[in-house]
Protein backbone atom coordinates (compact mmCIF):
# COMPACT_ATOMS: atom_id res chain seq x y z
CA MET A 1 -2.34 2.17 9.62
CA ILE A 2 -5.47 4.41 9.29
CA ASN A 3 -8.16 4.15 12.34
CA ARG A 4 -10.97 2.56 12.10
CA GLY A 5 -14.50 1.79 14.20
CA PRO A 6 -14.37 -1.50 16.67
CA GLU A 7 -17.10 -2.71 14.99
CA GLU A 8 -14.97 -2.45 11.93
CA LYS A 9 -11.98 -3.74 13.03
CA SER A 10 -13.70 -6.13 13.79
CA LYS A 11 -14.67 -7.32 10.88
CA ARG A 12 -11.52 -7.40 8.94
CA PRO A 13 -7.90 -8.44 9.44
CA SER A 14 -5.38 -5.90 9.83
CA ALA A 15 -4.25 -4.89 6.20
CA ALA A 16 -0.27 -6.02 6.58
CA GLU A 17 -1.51 -9.73 7.57
CA ILE A 18 -3.46 -10.02 4.15
CA GLY A 19 -1.02 -11.44 1.62
CA ALA A 20 -0.56 -8.82 -1.61
CA GLU A 21 1.26 -9.63 -4.85
CA GLY A 22 4.17 -7.14 -3.95
CA SER A 23 5.07 -9.39 -1.95
CA ASN A 24 7.68 -12.12 -3.16
CA THR A 25 6.99 -14.66 0.12
CA LYS A 26 4.37 -16.46 1.93
CA SER A 27 3.99 -15.40 5.85
CA ARG A 28 2.67 -17.91 8.14
CA PRO A 29 0.21 -15.78 10.39
CA GLY A 30 2.03 -15.07 13.59
CA GLY A 31 5.22 -15.61 12.47
CA ARG A 32 8.40 -13.93 12.32
CA SER A 33 7.99 -13.69 8.73
CA ALA A 34 5.02 -12.02 9.06
CA ARG A 35 5.69 -9.54 12.23
CA VAL A 36 8.59 -7.75 9.60
CA ARG A 37 5.98 -7.59 6.41
CA LYS A 38 3.01 -5.96 9.24
CA ALA A 39 6.56 -3.86 10.31
CA VAL A 40 7.54 -2.79 7.20
CA LEU A 41 4.93 -1.66 5.05
CA GLU A 42 3.07 0.25 8.90
CA GLN A 43 5.97 2.21 8.95
CA SER A 44 6.51 2.65 5.02
CA TYR A 45 2.68 3.82 5.08
CA ARG A 46 3.75 6.11 7.46
CA LEU A 47 6.34 7.60 5.66
CA LEU A 48 4.79 7.99 2.40
CA THR A 49 1.95 10.16 4.24
CA GLU A 50 4.18 12.44 5.69
CA LYS A 51 6.75 12.34 2.79
CA GLY A 52 5.22 11.66 0.05
CA LEU A 53 6.98 9.72 -2.74
CA SER A 54 10.09 12.12 -3.30
CA GLY A 55 11.15 11.88 0.30
CA PHE A 56 10.28 7.59 0.73
CA SER A 57 13.35 5.23 0.70
CA ILE A 58 13.66 1.94 1.57
CA ALA A 59 17.16 3.04 3.99
CA GLU A 60 14.57 4.85 6.23
CA VAL A 61 11.56 2.55 6.14
CA ALA A 62 14.70 -0.06 7.96
CA ALA A 63 15.60 2.38 10.10
CA ARG A 64 12.14 2.93 11.33
CA SER A 65 10.85 -0.28 11.24
CA GLU A 66 14.03 -1.67 12.35
CA ILE A 67 15.06 -4.27 9.98
CA ASN A 68 17.68 -4.38 7.80
CA GLU A 69 17.72 -2.62 4.57
CA THR A 70 19.11 -5.89 2.87
CA SER A 71 16.25 -8.06 4.44
CA ILE A 72 13.60 -5.61 2.76
CA TYR A 73 15.25 -5.70 -0.43
CA ARG A 74 15.05 -9.72 -0.31
CA ARG A 75 11.67 -9.44 -0.20
CA TRP A 76 10.20 -6.38 -1.91
CA LYS A 77 12.87 -6.32 -4.85
CA THR A 78 12.47 -2.68 -5.62
CA LYS A 79 11.08 0.24 -4.14
CA THR A 80 8.02 0.09 -6.20
CA GLY A 81 7.24 -3.41 -5.38
CA LEU A 82 7.08 -1.89 -1.92
CA ILE A 83 4.71 0.96 -2.26
CA MET A 84 2.51 -1.25 -4.74
CA ASP A 85 3.18 -3.78 -1.24
CA VAL A 86 2.00 -0.81 0.43
CA CYS A 87 -0.98 0.37 -1.71
CA LEU A 88 -2.61 -3.09 -2.54
CA SER A 89 -2.43 -3.65 1.61
CA VAL A 90 -4.40 0.03 2.68
CA ALA A 91 -6.78 -1.54 0.20
CA ASP A 92 -7.39 -4.28 1.04
CA GLU A 93 -8.20 -3.20 4.42
CA VAL A 94 -9.93 -0.25 4.10
CA LEU A 95 -11.59 -0.39 0.72
CA PHE A 96 -12.71 -3.95 1.61
CA ILE A 97 -15.14 -5.24 -0.56
CA PRO A 98 -18.66 -4.87 0.44
CA ASP A 99 -21.26 -7.99 0.47
CA THR A 100 -24.33 -7.02 1.84
CA GLY A 101 -26.51 -9.06 0.15
CA ASN A 102 -27.66 -6.12 -2.58
CA LEU A 103 -25.58 -4.34 -5.18
CA LYS A 104 -26.64 -0.83 -5.04
CA SER A 105 -25.94 -1.38 -0.53
CA ASP A 106 -22.68 -2.34 -1.62
CA LEU A 107 -21.68 0.18 -4.41
CA LEU A 108 -23.08 3.22 -2.06
CA GLU A 109 -20.81 1.90 0.62
CA PHE A 110 -17.19 1.08 -1.44
CA ALA A 111 -17.94 4.70 -3.13
CA ASN A 112 -18.12 6.40 -0.02
CA ARG A 113 -15.67 4.52 1.46
CA LEU A 114 -12.49 5.51 -1.16
CA VAL A 115 -14.14 9.15 -0.63
CA SER A 116 -13.46 9.30 3.12
CA LEU A 117 -10.30 7.84 2.14
CA LEU A 118 -9.48 10.39 -0.56
CA ARG A 119 -10.28 12.62 1.70
CA SER A 120 -8.08 11.98 4.52
CA PRO A 121 -4.29 12.63 5.09
CA GLN A 122 -4.02 8.63 4.30
CA GLY A 123 -5.43 9.42 1.31
CA THR A 124 -2.28 11.82 -0.14
CA VAL A 125 -0.54 8.64 -0.67
CA PHE A 126 -3.14 7.28 -3.80
CA ILE A 127 -3.33 10.37 -5.23
CA SER A 128 0.30 11.19 -5.59
CA VAL A 129 0.70 7.36 -6.79
CA ASN A 130 -1.83 8.21 -9.18
CA GLN A 131 -0.48 11.37 -10.03
CA ALA A 132 3.06 10.17 -10.70
CA THR A 133 4.52 10.19 -14.31
CA GLU A 134 8.08 8.19 -13.68
CA ALA A 135 8.22 5.11 -15.65
CA GLU A 136 8.51 3.04 -12.99
CA TYR A 137 5.41 4.71 -11.28
CA VAL A 138 3.33 4.52 -14.26
CA GLN A 139 4.33 1.03 -14.97
CA MET A 140 3.25 -0.02 -11.01
CA ARG A 141 0.03 1.88 -11.36
CA ARG A 142 -1.51 -0.04 -14.12
CA GLN A 143 -0.08 -3.33 -12.13
CA PHE A 144 -2.12 -1.92 -8.70
CA TRP A 145 -5.07 -0.99 -11.22
CA ARG A 146 -5.71 -4.21 -12.88
CA LEU A 147 -5.27 -6.37 -9.02
CA ARG A 148 -7.94 -4.05 -7.57
CA LEU A 149 -10.57 -3.77 -10.56
CA GLU A 150 -10.22 -7.72 -10.36
CA ARG A 151 -10.80 -7.98 -6.68
CA MET A 152 -12.96 -5.09 -6.52
CA SER A 153 -15.11 -6.79 -9.92
CA VAL A 154 -16.70 -9.70 -7.32
CA VAL A 155 -19.66 -7.56 -6.43
CA VAL A 156 -20.36 -7.66 -9.99
CA THR A 157 -20.39 -11.36 -10.07
CA ARG A 158 -22.38 -12.24 -7.36
CA ALA A 159 -25.10 -8.91 -8.27
CA ILE A 160 -24.70 -11.41 -11.28
CA GLU A 161 -25.45 -14.39 -9.69
CA ARG A 162 -28.62 -12.86 -7.67
CA HIS A 163 -30.05 -12.09 -11.32
CA GLU A 164 -29.64 -8.35 -9.83
CA LEU A 165 -27.73 -7.56 -13.17
CA PRO A 166 -27.72 -9.29 -16.55
CA GLU A 167 -25.24 -12.35 -17.26
CA ASP A 168 -23.86 -10.09 -20.18
CA THR A 169 -22.59 -7.15 -17.56
CA LYS A 170 -18.77 -6.81 -18.15
CA PRO A 171 -17.48 -6.62 -14.16
CA LEU A 172 -14.52 -4.90 -14.67
CA GLN A 173 -16.19 -2.43 -17.00
CA PHE A 174 -18.97 -1.85 -14.24
CA ILE A 175 -16.79 -0.91 -11.63
CA GLU A 176 -14.78 1.82 -13.80
CA THR A 177 -17.96 3.71 -14.54
CA LEU A 178 -18.46 3.51 -10.88
CA ILE A 179 -15.41 5.64 -9.76
CA ALA A 180 -14.37 6.84 -12.47
CA PRO A 181 -16.36 10.49 -11.73
CA ILE A 182 -14.36 10.35 -8.37
CA TRP A 183 -11.55 9.94 -9.70
CA PHE A 184 -11.98 12.80 -12.37
CA ARG A 185 -13.21 15.46 -9.83
CA GLU A 186 -9.88 14.31 -7.42
CA LEU A 187 -7.59 14.47 -10.43
CA VAL A 188 -8.46 16.33 -13.62
CA SER A 189 -11.50 18.98 -13.24
CA MET A 190 -10.79 19.29 -9.21
CA GLU A 191 -13.95 19.92 -8.27
CA PRO A 192 -14.69 18.87 -4.38
CA ILE A 193 -15.88 15.31 -4.58
CA GLU A 194 -17.87 15.29 -1.73
CA GLU A 195 -20.31 17.23 -3.59
CA TRP A 196 -20.55 13.81 -6.20
CA PRO A 197 -24.03 13.00 -6.26
CA LEU A 198 -22.98 9.25 -5.82
CA GLU A 199 -26.96 7.25 -4.39
CA GLU A 200 -28.35 9.40 -7.47
CA PHE A 201 -25.38 8.38 -10.20
CA ILE A 202 -25.88 4.81 -8.93
CA ASP A 203 -29.08 4.77 -9.45
CA ARG A 204 -28.75 5.80 -13.24
CA GLN A 205 -25.91 3.40 -13.62
CA LEU A 206 -27.53 0.29 -12.61
CA MET A 207 -30.95 1.74 -14.98
CA VAL A 208 -28.62 1.63 -17.95
CA ALA A 209 -26.90 -1.41 -16.61
CA THR A 210 -30.22 -3.28 -15.77
CA LYS A 211 -31.55 -1.74 -19.27
CA LYS A 212 -34.39 0.19 -17.62
CA LYS A 213 -35.08 3.83 -19.15
CA PRO A 214 -34.98 6.42 -16.66
CA THR A 215 -37.58 8.64 -15.69
CA ARG A 216 -35.31 11.57 -16.86
CA PHE A 217 -31.72 12.29 -16.96
């Protein structure tokens, strides 16, 4: 879906091969079900990138992927269910959870990947989903963020186990604090997210979380 360097491709499976909650069935790796899912997700993502939410239709996805429209509805049930699966799969692939052995490095790598995604043409899919006001997209967005935050919280859980953070640290709140300024700039203030001082902000977040007093703020 999104072009990545060869070193990254060697570390992660294809997004379409990763089981996501938006799909109703589990597929065997390499089986027909897996190939169908891969084709549908790839064509769905391309269509979303090209035409946005308003131009997205399962009929066109079916035509592009050469998969029967009935088969797509049987698996994903609704258009928003398919879009949900697309977003989760791309997020799993591009915004995969770092495991460098160091909390600051994990947070910095993840935050930089998020900024890069939002600045890419493919990032418009995530931006449009987070801007949509229709009830079905609002509900989908809540489910998407619940699942993503749960997955991302493992970074904090590992840090607690390594004694980098206090045991009473709340993983979900910690991750929300990390990504909130990036999304605020993207969706609200419209200030360039590239200019947000990621490393400095992470240093301050870690000082607060570890109850160390910063020298200045």
